[in-house]
Amino acid sequence: MQVNVSARHGTLQPGDQDLIEEKAIKLRRLYDRINAIEVTIDLKQLDKPVVELKVSAEHAEDSIARAEASNVIAALDNAIPKVEQQLRRLKDRKTGNRSAAHKHVEAAPTSEDE
């Protein structure tokens, strides 16, 4: 799995990139077929940075979430639950349909001769 972290209109503080990658990799526990995660941080307004998460998975549309907060890590913490919810819904759609259609099993006839 590939994790890309990029910043617009500025640079990240030292150590932030590693922390962001570490938190983004944890999304893998929700859905195994994640191919890539792109984290884009927009530092145009330093007092309210915007974090955008884009998660690409096999045979599915990309999951995208945006959040803004007072600092980069807080914005990331706000965006991650949004993506987690989308991945859970995706996983339910992919696996839930197969388990929901149970075959009708008829009860075996009982013999009243005994």
PDB file of N, CA and C in Angstrom:
ATOM      1  N   MET A   1       0.846  -1.167   0.000  1.00  0.00           N
ATOM      2  CA  MET A   1       0.000   0.000   0.000  1.00  0.00           C
ATOM      3  C   MET A   1       0.895   1.235   0.000  1.00  0.00           C
ATOM      4  N   GLN A   2       0.465   2.210  -0.722  1.00  0.00           N
ATOM      5  CA  GLN A   2       1.241   3.424  -0.910  1.00  0.00           C
ATOM      6  C   GLN A   2       0.568   4.584  -0.192  1.00  0.00           C
ATOM      7  N   VAL A   3       1.339   5.334   0.603  1.00  0.00           N
ATOM      8  CA  VAL A   3       0.816   6.502   1.310  1.00  0.00           C
ATOM      9  C   VAL A   3       1.598   7.724   0.840  1.00  0.00           C
ATOM     10  N   ASN A   4       0.883   8.702   0.276  1.00  0.00           N
ATOM     11  CA  ASN A   4       1.505   9.945  -0.180  1.00  0.00           C
ATOM     12  C   ASN A   4       1.006  11.090   0.685  1.00  0.00           C
ATOM     13  N   VAL A   5       1.943  11.876   1.200  1.00  0.00           N
ATOM     14  CA  VAL A   5       1.601  13.050   1.990  1.00  0.00           C
ATOM     15  C   VAL A   5       2.181  14.257   1.270  1.00  0.00           C
ATOM     16  N   SER A   6       1.320  15.233   0.970  1.00  0.00           N
ATOM     17  CA  SER A   6       1.802  16.434   0.297  1.00  0.00           C
ATOM     18  C   SER A   6       1.185  17.658   0.953  1.00  0.00           C
ATOM     19  N   ALA A   7       1.896  18.771   0.845  1.00  0.00           N
ATOM     20  CA  ALA A   7       1.435  20.022   1.443  1.00  0.00           C
ATOM     21  C   ALA A   7       1.373  21.092   0.365  1.00  0.00           C
ATOM     22  N   ARG A   8       0.305  21.879   0.388  1.00  0.00           N
ATOM     23  CA  ARG A   8       0.159  23.017  -0.517  1.00  0.00           C
ATOM     24  C   ARG A   8       0.370  24.300   0.273  1.00  0.00           C
ATOM     25  N   HIS A   9       0.951  25.278  -0.359  1.00  0.00           N
ATOM     26  CA  HIS A   9       1.122  26.615   0.213  1.00  0.00           C
ATOM     27  C   HIS A   9       1.957  26.610   1.493  1.00  0.00           C
ATOM     28  N   GLY A  10       2.890  25.707   1.624  1.00  0.00           N
ATOM     29  CA  GLY A  10       3.749  25.697   2.805  1.00  0.00           C
ATOM     30  C   GLY A  10       4.376  24.333   3.015  1.00  0.00           C
ATOM     31  N   THR A  11       5.033  24.181   4.147  1.00  0.00           N
ATOM     32  CA  THR A  11       5.672  22.911   4.480  1.00  0.00           C
ATOM     33  C   THR A  11       5.180  22.443   5.845  1.00  0.00           C
ATOM     34  N   LEU A  12       5.262  21.144   6.031  1.00  0.00           N
ATOM     35  CA  LEU A  12       4.843  20.550   7.299  1.00  0.00           C
ATOM     36  C   LEU A  12       5.942  20.698   8.340  1.00  0.00           C
ATOM     37  N   GLN A  13       5.549  20.653   9.600  1.00  0.00           N
ATOM     38  CA  GLN A  13       6.523  20.692  10.677  1.00  0.00           C
ATOM     39  C   GLN A  13       7.241  19.349  10.737  1.00  0.00           C
ATOM     40  N   PRO A  14       8.476  19.331  11.244  1.00  0.00           N
ATOM     41  CA  PRO A  14       9.209  18.061  11.332  1.00  0.00           C
ATOM     42  C   PRO A  14       8.456  17.063  12.216  1.00  0.00           C
ATOM     43  N   GLY A  15       8.376  15.844  11.757  1.00  0.00           N
ATOM     44  CA  GLY A  15       7.688  14.795  12.503  1.00  0.00           C
ATOM     45  C   GLY A  15       6.217  14.649  12.150  1.00  0.00           C
ATOM     46  N   ASP A  16       5.602  15.689  11.593  1.00  0.00           N
ATOM     47  CA  ASP A  16       4.189  15.603  11.237  1.00  0.00           C
ATOM     48  C   ASP A  16       3.950  14.588  10.126  1.00  0.00           C
ATOM     49  N   GLN A  17       4.832  14.535   9.153  1.00  0.00           N
ATOM     50  CA  GLN A  17       4.638  13.623   8.024  1.00  0.00           C
ATOM     51  C   GLN A  17       4.636  12.172   8.501  1.00  0.00           C
ATOM     52  N   ASP A  18       5.557  11.816   9.396  1.00  0.00           N
ATOM     53  CA  ASP A  18       5.593  10.444   9.903  1.00  0.00           C
ATOM     54  C   ASP A  18       4.326  10.105  10.682  1.00  0.00           C
ATOM     55  N   LEU A  19       3.857  11.048  11.484  1.00  0.00           N
ATOM     56  CA  LEU A  19       2.641  10.836  12.265  1.00  0.00           C
ATOM     57  C   LEU A  19       1.418  10.689  11.355  1.00  0.00           C
ATOM     58  N   ILE A  20       1.369  11.478  10.308  1.00  0.00           N
ATOM     59  CA  ILE A  20       0.254  11.410   9.357  1.00  0.00           C
ATOM     60  C   ILE A  20       0.252  10.060   8.642  1.00  0.00           C
ATOM     61  N   GLU A  21       1.422   9.610   8.199  1.00  0.00           N
ATOM     62  CA  GLU A  21       1.519   8.305   7.534  1.00  0.00           C
ATOM     63  C   GLU A  21       1.104   7.182   8.479  1.00  0.00           C
ATOM     64  N   GLU A  22       1.531   7.283   9.726  1.00  0.00           N
ATOM     65  CA  GLU A  22       1.215   6.257  10.722  1.00  0.00           C
ATOM     66  C   GLU A  22      -0.298   6.157  10.946  1.00  0.00           C
ATOM     67  N   LYS A  23      -0.968   7.296  11.034  1.00  0.00           N
ATOM     68  CA  LYS A  23      -2.419   7.290  11.228  1.00  0.00           C
ATOM     69  C   LYS A  23      -3.150   6.824   9.982  1.00  0.00           C
ATOM     70  N   ALA A  24      -2.636   7.166   8.811  1.00  0.00           N
ATOM     71  CA  ALA A  24      -3.286   6.781   7.563  1.00  0.00           C
ATOM     72  C   ALA A  24      -3.179   5.276   7.323  1.00  0.00           C
ATOM     73  N   ILE A  25      -2.082   4.668   7.706  1.00  0.00           N
ATOM     74  CA  ILE A  25      -1.897   3.229   7.499  1.00  0.00           C
ATOM     75  C   ILE A  25      -2.904   2.430   8.314  1.00  0.00           C
ATOM     76  N   LYS A  26      -3.361   2.979   9.429  1.00  0.00           N
ATOM     77  CA  LYS A  26      -4.334   2.269  10.267  1.00  0.00           C
ATOM     78  C   LYS A  26      -5.676   2.068   9.573  1.00  0.00           C
ATOM     79  N   LEU A  27      -5.933   2.807   8.498  1.00  0.00           N
ATOM     80  CA  LEU A  27      -7.176   2.609   7.742  1.00  0.00           C
ATOM     81  C   LEU A  27      -7.227   1.231   7.102  1.00  0.00           C
ATOM     82  N   ARG A  28      -6.084   0.634   6.915  1.00  0.00           N
ATOM     83  CA  ARG A  28      -6.004  -0.681   6.276  1.00  0.00           C
ATOM     84  C   ARG A  28      -6.744  -1.750   7.076  1.00  0.00           C
ATOM     85  N   ARG A  29      -6.859  -1.552   8.398  1.00  0.00           N
ATOM     86  CA  ARG A  29      -7.526  -2.554   9.228  1.00  0.00           C
ATOM     87  C   ARG A  29      -9.021  -2.647   8.929  1.00  0.00           C
ATOM     88  N   LEU A  30      -9.596  -1.603   8.324  1.00  0.00           N
ATOM     89  CA  LEU A  30     -11.017  -1.610   8.013  1.00  0.00           C
ATOM     90  C   LEU A  30     -11.333  -2.307   6.695  1.00  0.00           C
ATOM     91  N   TYR A  31     -10.436  -2.155   5.724  1.00  0.00           N
ATOM     92  CA  TYR A  31     -10.697  -2.713   4.392  1.00  0.00           C
ATOM     93  C   TYR A  31      -9.365  -3.145   3.796  1.00  0.00           C
ATOM     94  N   ASP A  32      -9.253  -4.425   3.485  1.00  0.00           N
ATOM     95  CA  ASP A  32      -7.978  -4.998   3.052  1.00  0.00           C
ATOM     96  C   ASP A  32      -7.553  -4.589   1.647  1.00  0.00           C
ATOM     97  N   ARG A  33      -8.490  -4.199   0.818  1.00  0.00           N
ATOM     98  CA  ARG A  33      -8.180  -3.947  -0.589  1.00  0.00           C
ATOM     99  C   ARG A  33      -7.806  -2.497  -0.903  1.00  0.00           C
ATOM    100  N   ILE A  34      -7.275  -1.796   0.075  1.00  0.00           N
ATOM    101  CA  ILE A  34      -6.836  -0.414  -0.144  1.00  0.00           C
ATOM    102  C   ILE A  34      -5.511  -0.443  -0.911  1.00  0.00           C
ATOM    103  N   ASN A  35      -5.462   0.300  -2.020  1.00  0.00           N
ATOM    104  CA  ASN A  35      -4.253   0.377  -2.833  1.00  0.00           C
ATOM    105  C   ASN A  35      -3.381   1.559  -2.455  1.00  0.00           C
ATOM    106  N   ALA A  36      -3.996   2.712  -2.270  1.00  0.00           N
ATOM    107  CA  ALA A  36      -3.218   3.925  -2.032  1.00  0.00           C
ATOM    108  C   ALA A  36      -4.017   4.894  -1.169  1.00  0.00           C
ATOM    109  N   ILE A  37      -3.279   5.678  -0.403  1.00  0.00           N
ATOM    110  CA  ILE A  37      -3.876   6.735   0.409  1.00  0.00           C
ATOM    111  C   ILE A  37      -3.108   8.014   0.108  1.00  0.00           C
ATOM    112  N   GLU A  38      -3.847   9.048  -0.272  1.00  0.00           N
ATOM    113  CA  GLU A  38      -3.240  10.351  -0.533  1.00  0.00           C
ATOM    114  C   GLU A  38      -3.742  11.337   0.511  1.00  0.00           C
ATOM    115  N   VAL A  39      -2.809  11.982   1.188  1.00  0.00           N
ATOM    116  CA  VAL A  39      -3.158  12.989   2.187  1.00  0.00           C
ATOM    117  C   VAL A  39      -2.620  14.325   1.677  1.00  0.00           C
ATOM    118  N   THR A  40      -3.520  15.275   1.463  1.00  0.00           N
ATOM    119  CA  THR A  40      -3.127  16.595   0.985  1.00  0.00           C
ATOM    120  C   THR A  40      -3.480  17.612   2.064  1.00  0.00           C
ATOM    121  N   ILE A  41      -2.488  18.388   2.463  1.00  0.00           N
ATOM    122  CA  ILE A  41      -2.687  19.396   3.494  1.00  0.00           C
ATOM    123  C   ILE A  41      -2.554  20.763   2.856  1.00  0.00           C
ATOM    124  N   ASP A  42      -3.609  21.560   2.971  1.00  0.00           N
ATOM    125  CA  ASP A  42      -3.616  22.903   2.407  1.00  0.00           C
ATOM    126  C   ASP A  42      -3.335  23.899   3.529  1.00  0.00           C
ATOM    127  N   LEU A  43      -2.183  24.549   3.459  1.00  0.00           N
ATOM    128  CA  LEU A  43      -1.758  25.489   4.491  1.00  0.00           C
ATOM    129  C   LEU A  43      -1.942  26.936   4.058  1.00  0.00           C
ATOM    130  N   LYS A  44      -2.909  27.176   3.179  1.00  0.00           N
ATOM    131  CA  LYS A  44      -3.141  28.534   2.708  1.00  0.00           C
ATOM    132  C   LYS A  44      -3.517  29.449   3.873  1.00  0.00           C
ATOM    133  N   GLN A  45      -4.405  28.975   4.730  1.00  0.00           N
ATOM    134  CA  GLN A  45      -4.731  29.703   5.957  1.00  0.00           C
ATOM    135  C   GLN A  45      -4.051  28.967   7.109  1.00  0.00           C
ATOM    136  N   LEU A  46      -3.019  29.546   7.669  1.00  0.00           N
ATOM    137  CA  LEU A  46      -2.240  28.863   8.698  1.00  0.00           C
ATOM    138  C   LEU A  46      -3.051  28.605   9.967  1.00  0.00           C
ATOM    139  N   ASP A  47      -4.035  29.451  10.258  1.00  0.00           N
ATOM    140  CA  ASP A  47      -4.822  29.246  11.467  1.00  0.00           C
ATOM    141  C   ASP A  47      -5.884  28.155  11.294  1.00  0.00           C
ATOM    142  N   LYS A  48      -6.223  27.803  10.047  1.00  0.00           N
ATOM    143  CA  LYS A  48      -7.186  26.733   9.773  1.00  0.00           C
ATOM    144  C   LYS A  48      -6.717  25.886   8.596  1.00  0.00           C
ATOM    145  N   PRO A  49      -5.750  24.971   8.824  1.00  0.00           N
ATOM    146  CA  PRO A  49      -5.324  24.097   7.727  1.00  0.00           C
ATOM    147  C   PRO A  49      -6.419  23.106   7.343  1.00  0.00           C
ATOM    148  N   VAL A  50      -6.466  22.773   6.065  1.00  0.00           N
ATOM    149  CA  VAL A  50      -7.455  21.830   5.536  1.00  0.00           C
ATOM    150  C   VAL A  50      -6.737  20.545   5.152  1.00  0.00           C
ATOM    151  N   VAL A  51      -7.268  19.431   5.625  1.00  0.00           N
ATOM    152  CA  VAL A  51      -6.704  18.118   5.301  1.00  0.00           C
ATOM    153  C   VAL A  51      -7.701  17.382   4.429  1.00  0.00           C
ATOM    154  N   GLU A  52      -7.213  16.819   3.324  1.00  0.00           N
ATOM    155  CA  GLU A  52      -8.044  16.021   2.437  1.00  0.00           C
ATOM    156  C   GLU A  52      -7.446  14.630   2.345  1.00  0.00           C
ATOM    157  N   LEU A  53      -8.248  13.621   2.632  1.00  0.00           N
ATOM    158  CA  LEU A  53      -7.842  12.221   2.536  1.00  0.00           C
ATOM    159  C   LEU A  53      -8.527  11.601   1.332  1.00  0.00           C
ATOM    160  N   LYS A  54      -7.763  10.917   0.512  1.00  0.00           N
ATOM    161  CA  LYS A  54      -8.320  10.211  -0.646  1.00  0.00           C
ATOM    162  C   LYS A  54      -7.809   8.773  -0.584  1.00  0.00           C
ATOM    163  N   VAL A  55      -8.735   7.835  -0.427  1.00  0.00           N
ATOM    164  CA  VAL A  55      -8.384   6.429  -0.292  1.00  0.00           C
ATOM    165  C   VAL A  55      -8.851   5.693  -1.536  1.00  0.00           C
ATOM    166  N   SER A  56      -7.917   5.041  -2.222  1.00  0.00           N
ATOM    167  CA  SER A  56      -8.233   4.267  -3.424  1.00  0.00           C
ATOM    168  C   SER A  56      -8.235   2.782  -3.069  1.00  0.00           C
ATOM    169  N   ALA A  57      -9.306   2.094  -3.446  1.00  0.00           N
ATOM    170  CA  ALA A  57      -9.429   0.665  -3.177  1.00  0.00           C
ATOM    171  C   ALA A  57      -9.745  -0.066  -4.474  1.00  0.00           C
ATOM    172  N   GLU A  58      -9.438  -1.365  -4.488  1.00  0.00           N
ATOM    173  CA  GLU A  58      -9.704  -2.192  -5.664  1.00  0.00           C
ATOM    174  C   GLU A  58     -11.198  -2.285  -5.927  1.00  0.00           C
ATOM    175  N   HIS A  59     -11.587  -2.190  -7.179  1.00  0.00           N
ATOM    176  CA  HIS A  59     -12.959  -2.386  -7.631  1.00  0.00           C
ATOM    177  C   HIS A  59     -13.967  -1.505  -6.890  1.00  0.00           C
ATOM    178  N   ALA A  60     -13.558  -0.299  -6.550  1.00  0.00           N
ATOM    179  CA  ALA A  60     -14.454   0.614  -5.839  1.00  0.00           C
ATOM    180  C   ALA A  60     -14.072   2.052  -6.169  1.00  0.00           C
ATOM    181  N   GLU A  61     -15.031   2.941  -5.948  1.00  0.00           N
ATOM    182  CA  GLU A  61     -14.739   4.353  -6.141  1.00  0.00           C
ATOM    183  C   GLU A  61     -13.888   4.864  -4.982  1.00  0.00           C
ATOM    184  N   ASP A  62     -13.190   5.969  -5.217  1.00  0.00           N
ATOM    185  CA  ASP A  62     -12.351   6.544  -4.175  1.00  0.00           C
ATOM    186  C   ASP A  62     -13.197   7.108  -3.046  1.00  0.00           C
ATOM    187  N   SER A  63     -12.698   6.956  -1.831  1.00  0.00           N
ATOM    188  CA  SER A  63     -13.337   7.556  -0.659  1.00  0.00           C
ATOM    189  C   SER A  63     -12.582   8.841  -0.347  1.00  0.00           C
ATOM    190  N   ILE A  64     -13.310   9.952  -0.247  1.00  0.00           N
ATOM    191  CA  ILE A  64     -12.679  11.256  -0.052  1.00  0.00           C
ATOM    192  C   ILE A  64     -13.316  11.943   1.144  1.00  0.00           C
ATOM    193  N   ALA A  65     -12.462  12.530   1.999  1.00  0.00           N
ATOM    194  CA  ALA A  65     -12.966  13.292   3.154  1.00  0.00           C
ATOM    195  C   ALA A  65     -12.106  14.529   3.330  1.00  0.00           C
ATOM    196  N   ARG A  66     -12.753  15.635   3.719  1.00  0.00           N
ATOM    197  CA  ARG A  66     -12.067  16.896   3.987  1.00  0.00           C
ATOM    198  C   ARG A  66     -12.437  17.361   5.389  1.00  0.00           C
ATOM    199  N   ALA A  67     -11.466  17.973   6.054  1.00  0.00           N
ATOM    200  CA  ALA A  67     -11.735  18.534   7.377  1.00  0.00           C
ATOM    201  C   ALA A  67     -10.763  19.671   7.627  1.00  0.00           C
ATOM    202  N   GLU A  68     -11.205  20.631   8.432  1.00  0.00           N
ATOM    203  CA  GLU A  68     -10.318  21.716   8.828  1.00  0.00           C
ATOM    204  C   GLU A  68     -10.414  21.885  10.331  1.00  0.00           C
ATOM    205  N   ALA A  69      -9.298  22.327  10.923  1.00  0.00           N
ATOM    206  CA  ALA A  69      -9.241  22.523  12.371  1.00  0.00           C
ATOM    207  C   ALA A  69      -8.158  23.546  12.673  1.00  0.00           C
ATOM    208  N   SER A  70      -7.849  23.684  13.942  1.00  0.00           N
ATOM    209  CA  SER A  70      -6.869  24.699  14.347  1.00  0.00           C
ATOM    210  C   SER A  70      -5.432  24.290  14.025  1.00  0.00           C
ATOM    211  N   ASN A  71      -5.166  22.972  13.924  1.00  0.00           N
ATOM    212  CA  ASN A  71      -3.834  22.521  13.483  1.00  0.00           C
ATOM    213  C   ASN A  71      -3.980  21.295  12.582  1.00  0.00           C
ATOM    214  N   VAL A  72      -2.884  20.873  12.005  1.00  0.00           N
ATOM    215  CA  VAL A  72      -2.905  19.808  10.996  1.00  0.00           C
ATOM    216  C   VAL A  72      -3.365  18.482  11.596  1.00  0.00           C
ATOM    217  N   ILE A  73      -2.840  18.128  12.751  1.00  0.00           N
ATOM    218  CA  ILE A  73      -3.165  16.832  13.353  1.00  0.00           C
ATOM    219  C   ILE A  73      -4.640  16.782  13.758  1.00  0.00           C
ATOM    220  N   ALA A  74      -5.167  17.878  14.283  1.00  0.00           N
ATOM    221  CA  ALA A  74      -6.581  17.915  14.652  1.00  0.00           C
ATOM    222  C   ALA A  74      -7.462  17.786  13.412  1.00  0.00           C
ATOM    223  N   ALA A  75      -7.070  18.411  12.315  1.00  0.00           N
ATOM    224  CA  ALA A  75      -7.828  18.290  11.076  1.00  0.00           C
ATOM    225  C   ALA A  75      -7.787  16.852  10.555  1.00  0.00           C
ATOM    226  N   LEU A  76      -6.631  16.213  10.675  1.00  0.00           N
ATOM    227  CA  LEU A  76      -6.503  14.813  10.264  1.00  0.00           C
ATOM    228  C   LEU A  76      -7.394  13.923  11.132  1.00  0.00           C
ATOM    229  N   ASP A  77      -7.410  14.196  12.432  1.00  0.00           N
ATOM    230  CA  ASP A  77      -8.250  13.418  13.340  1.00  0.00           C
ATOM    231  C   ASP A  77      -9.736  13.609  13.045  1.00  0.00           C
ATOM    232  N   ASN A  78     -10.110  14.723  12.465  1.00  0.00           N
ATOM    233  CA  ASN A  78     -11.503  14.951  12.070  1.00  0.00           C
ATOM    234  C   ASN A  78     -11.836  14.267  10.748  1.00  0.00           C
ATOM    235  N   ALA A  79     -10.864  14.146   9.853  1.00  0.00           N
ATOM    236  CA  ALA A  79     -11.101  13.560   8.535  1.00  0.00           C
ATOM    237  C   ALA A  79     -11.101  12.033   8.566  1.00  0.00           C
ATOM    238  N   ILE A  80     -10.319  11.439   9.435  1.00  0.00           N
ATOM    239  CA  ILE A  80     -10.193   9.979   9.464  1.00  0.00           C
ATOM    240  C   ILE A  80     -11.531   9.288   9.758  1.00  0.00           C
ATOM    241  N   PRO A  81     -12.324   9.723  10.741  1.00  0.00           N
ATOM    242  CA  PRO A  81     -13.614   9.038  10.947  1.00  0.00           C
ATOM    243  C   PRO A  81     -14.555   9.108   9.748  1.00  0.00           C
ATOM    244  N   LYS A  82     -14.466  10.169   8.980  1.00  0.00           N
ATOM    245  CA  LYS A  82     -15.312  10.287   7.786  1.00  0.00           C
ATOM    246  C   LYS A  82     -14.938   9.217   6.765  1.00  0.00           C
ATOM    247  N   VAL A  83     -13.644   9.020   6.562  1.00  0.00           N
ATOM    248  CA  VAL A  83     -13.190   7.991   5.620  1.00  0.00           C
ATOM    249  C   VAL A  83     -13.493   6.599   6.173  1.00  0.00           C
ATOM    250  N   GLU A  84     -13.319   6.428   7.489  1.00  0.00           N
ATOM    251  CA  GLU A  84     -13.616   5.130   8.091  1.00  0.00           C
ATOM    252  C   GLU A  84     -15.068   4.741   7.847  1.00  0.00           C
ATOM    253  N   GLN A  85     -15.981   5.685   7.986  1.00  0.00           N
ATOM    254  CA  GLN A  85     -17.395   5.411   7.752  1.00  0.00           C
ATOM    255  C   GLN A  85     -17.638   5.000   6.299  1.00  0.00           C
ATOM    256  N   GLN A  86     -16.978   5.686   5.368  1.00  0.00           N
ATOM    257  CA  GLN A  86     -17.138   5.339   3.956  1.00  0.00           C
ATOM    258  C   GLN A  86     -16.588   3.946   3.670  1.00  0.00           C
ATOM    259  N   LEU A  87     -15.445   3.593   4.288  1.00  0.00           N
ATOM    260  CA  LEU A  87     -14.866   2.266   4.075  1.00  0.00           C
ATOM    261  C   LEU A  87     -15.734   1.175   4.684  1.00  0.00           C
ATOM    262  N   ARG A  88     -16.329   1.449   5.839  1.00  0.00           N
ATOM    263  CA  ARG A  88     -17.228   0.461   6.441  1.00  0.00           C
ATOM    264  C   ARG A  88     -18.435   0.218   5.541  1.00  0.00           C
ATOM    265  N   ARG A  89     -18.988   1.300   4.995  1.00  0.00           N
ATOM    266  CA  ARG A  89     -20.137   1.169   4.090  1.00  0.00           C
ATOM    267  C   ARG A  89     -19.739   0.382   2.844  1.00  0.00           C
ATOM    268  N   LEU A  90     -18.550   0.664   2.313  1.00  0.00           N
ATOM    269  CA  LEU A  90     -18.050  -0.039   1.134  1.00  0.00           C
ATOM    270  C   LEU A  90     -17.901  -1.528   1.426  1.00  0.00           C
ATOM    271  N   LYS A  91     -17.330  -1.848   2.558  1.00  0.00           N
ATOM    272  CA  LYS A  91     -17.132  -3.245   2.924  1.00  0.00           C
ATOM    273  C   LYS A  91     -18.474  -3.952   3.112  1.00  0.00           C
ATOM    274  N   ASP A  92     -19.430  -3.268   3.719  1.00  0.00           N
ATOM    275  CA  ASP A  92     -20.759  -3.866   3.885  1.00  0.00           C
ATOM    276  C   ASP A  92     -21.415  -4.147   2.542  1.00  0.00           C
ATOM    277  N   ARG A  93     -21.257  -3.222   1.601  1.00  0.00           N
ATOM    278  CA  ARG A  93     -21.835  -3.438   0.268  1.00  0.00           C
ATOM    279  C   ARG A  93     -21.164  -4.602  -0.438  1.00  0.00           C
ATOM    280  N   LYS A  94     -19.852  -4.720  -0.281  1.00  0.00           N
ATOM    281  CA  LYS A  94     -19.127  -5.780  -0.994  1.00  0.00           C
ATOM    282  C   LYS A  94     -19.367  -7.152  -0.386  1.00  0.00           C
ATOM    283  N   THR A  95     -19.470  -7.242   0.936  1.00  0.00           N
ATOM    284  CA  THR A  95     -19.592  -8.549   1.574  1.00  0.00           C
ATOM    285  C   THR A  95     -20.999  -8.848   2.051  1.00  0.00           C
ATOM    286  N   GLY A  96     -21.795  -7.839   2.352  1.00  0.00           N
ATOM    287  CA  GLY A  96     -23.116  -8.038   2.928  1.00  0.00           C
ATOM    288  C   GLY A  96     -24.105  -8.679   1.990  1.00  0.00           C
ATOM    289  N   ASN A  97     -24.021  -8.427   0.707  1.00  0.00           N
ATOM    290  CA  ASN A  97     -24.999  -8.962  -0.236  1.00  0.00           C
ATOM    291  C   ASN A  97     -24.914 -10.479  -0.337  1.00  0.00           C
ATOM    292  N   ARG A  98     -23.730 -11.018  -0.202  1.00  0.00           N
ATOM    293  CA  ARG A  98     -23.580 -12.459  -0.318  1.00  0.00           C
ATOM    294  C   ARG A  98     -24.162 -13.179   0.895  1.00  0.00           C
ATOM    295  N   SER A  99     -23.959 -12.622   2.065  1.00  0.00           N
ATOM    296  CA  SER A  99     -24.424 -13.308   3.264  1.00  0.00           C
ATOM    297  C   SER A  99     -25.908 -13.071   3.518  1.00  0.00           C
ATOM    298  N   ALA A 100     -26.503 -12.056   2.922  1.00  0.00           N
ATOM    299  CA  ALA A 100     -27.905 -11.741   3.171  1.00  0.00           C
ATOM    300  C   ALA A 100     -28.856 -12.681   2.436  1.00  0.00           C
ATOM    301  N   ALA A 101     -28.431 -13.243   1.331  1.00  0.00           N
ATOM    302  CA  ALA A 101     -29.314 -14.092   0.537  1.00  0.00           C
ATOM    303  C   ALA A 101     -29.141 -15.547   0.964  1.00  0.00           C
ATOM    304  N   HIS A 102     -29.855 -15.936   1.986  1.00  0.00           N
ATOM    305  CA  HIS A 102     -29.793 -17.315   2.456  1.00  0.00           C
ATOM    306  C   HIS A 102     -30.705 -18.178   1.599  1.00  0.00           C
ATOM    307  N   LYS A 103     -30.255 -19.371   1.357  1.00  0.00           N
ATOM    308  CA  LYS A 103     -31.088 -20.298   0.607  1.00  0.00           C
ATOM    309  C   LYS A 103     -32.194 -20.816   1.520  1.00  0.00           C
ATOM    310  N   HIS A 104     -33.336 -20.997   0.928  1.00  0.00           N
ATOM    311  CA  HIS A 104     -34.458 -21.500   1.710  1.00  0.00           C
ATOM    312  C   HIS A 104     -34.277 -22.995   1.912  1.00  0.00           C
ATOM    313  N   VAL A 105     -34.266 -23.400   3.163  1.00  0.00           N
ATOM    314  CA  VAL A 105     -34.119 -24.812   3.490  1.00  0.00           C
ATOM    315  C   VAL A 105     -35.423 -25.285   4.106  1.00  0.00           C
ATOM    316  N   GLU A 106     -35.979 -26.337   3.492  1.00  0.00           N
ATOM    317  CA  GLU A 106     -37.244 -26.864   4.012  1.00  0.00           C
ATOM    318  C   GLU A 106     -36.954 -27.922   5.065  1.00  0.00           C
ATOM    319  N   ALA A 107     -37.841 -27.991   6.009  1.00  0.00           N
ATOM    320  CA  ALA A 107     -37.681 -28.990   7.082  1.00  0.00           C
ATOM    321  C   ALA A 107     -37.925 -30.385   6.523  1.00  0.00           C
ATOM    322  N   ALA A 108     -37.194 -31.334   7.031  1.00  0.00           N
ATOM    323  CA  ALA A 108     -37.360 -32.706   6.589  1.00  0.00           C
ATOM    324  C   ALA A 108     -38.709 -33.218   7.080  1.00  0.00           C
ATOM    325  N   PRO A 109     -39.416 -33.990   6.237  1.00  0.00           N
ATOM    326  CA  PRO A 109     -40.721 -34.501   6.652  1.00  0.00           C
ATOM    327  C   PRO A 109     -40.565 -35.494   7.807  1.00  0.00           C
ATOM    328  N   THR A 110     -41.454 -35.404   8.767  1.00  0.00           N
ATOM    329  CA  THR A 110     -41.408 -36.321   9.909  1.00  0.00           C
ATOM    330  C   THR A 110     -42.347 -37.484   9.651  1.00  0.00           C
ATOM    331  N   SER A 111     -41.957 -38.608  10.085  1.00  0.00           N
ATOM    332  CA  SER A 111     -42.811 -39.779   9.881  1.00  0.00           C
ATOM    333  C   SER A 111     -43.648 -39.984  11.135  1.00  0.00           C
ATOM    334  N   GLU A 112     -44.929 -40.116  10.944  1.00  0.00           N
ATOM    335  CA  GLU A 112     -45.837 -40.298  12.074  1.00  0.00           C
ATOM    336  C   GLU A 112     -46.157 -41.775  12.306  1.00  0.00           C
ATOM    337  N   ASP A 113     -45.418 -42.670  11.612  1.00  0.00           N
ATOM    338  CA  ASP A 113     -45.656 -44.104  11.734  1.00  0.00           C
ATOM    339  C   ASP A 113     -45.142 -44.636  13.057  1.00  0.00           C
ATOM    340  N   GLU A 114     -44.217 -43.979  13.650  1.00  0.00           N
ATOM    341  CA  GLU A 114     -43.568 -44.514  14.846  1.00  0.00           C
ATOM    342  C   GLU A 114     -44.329 -44.374  16.072  1.00  0.00           C
TER     343      GLU A 114
END
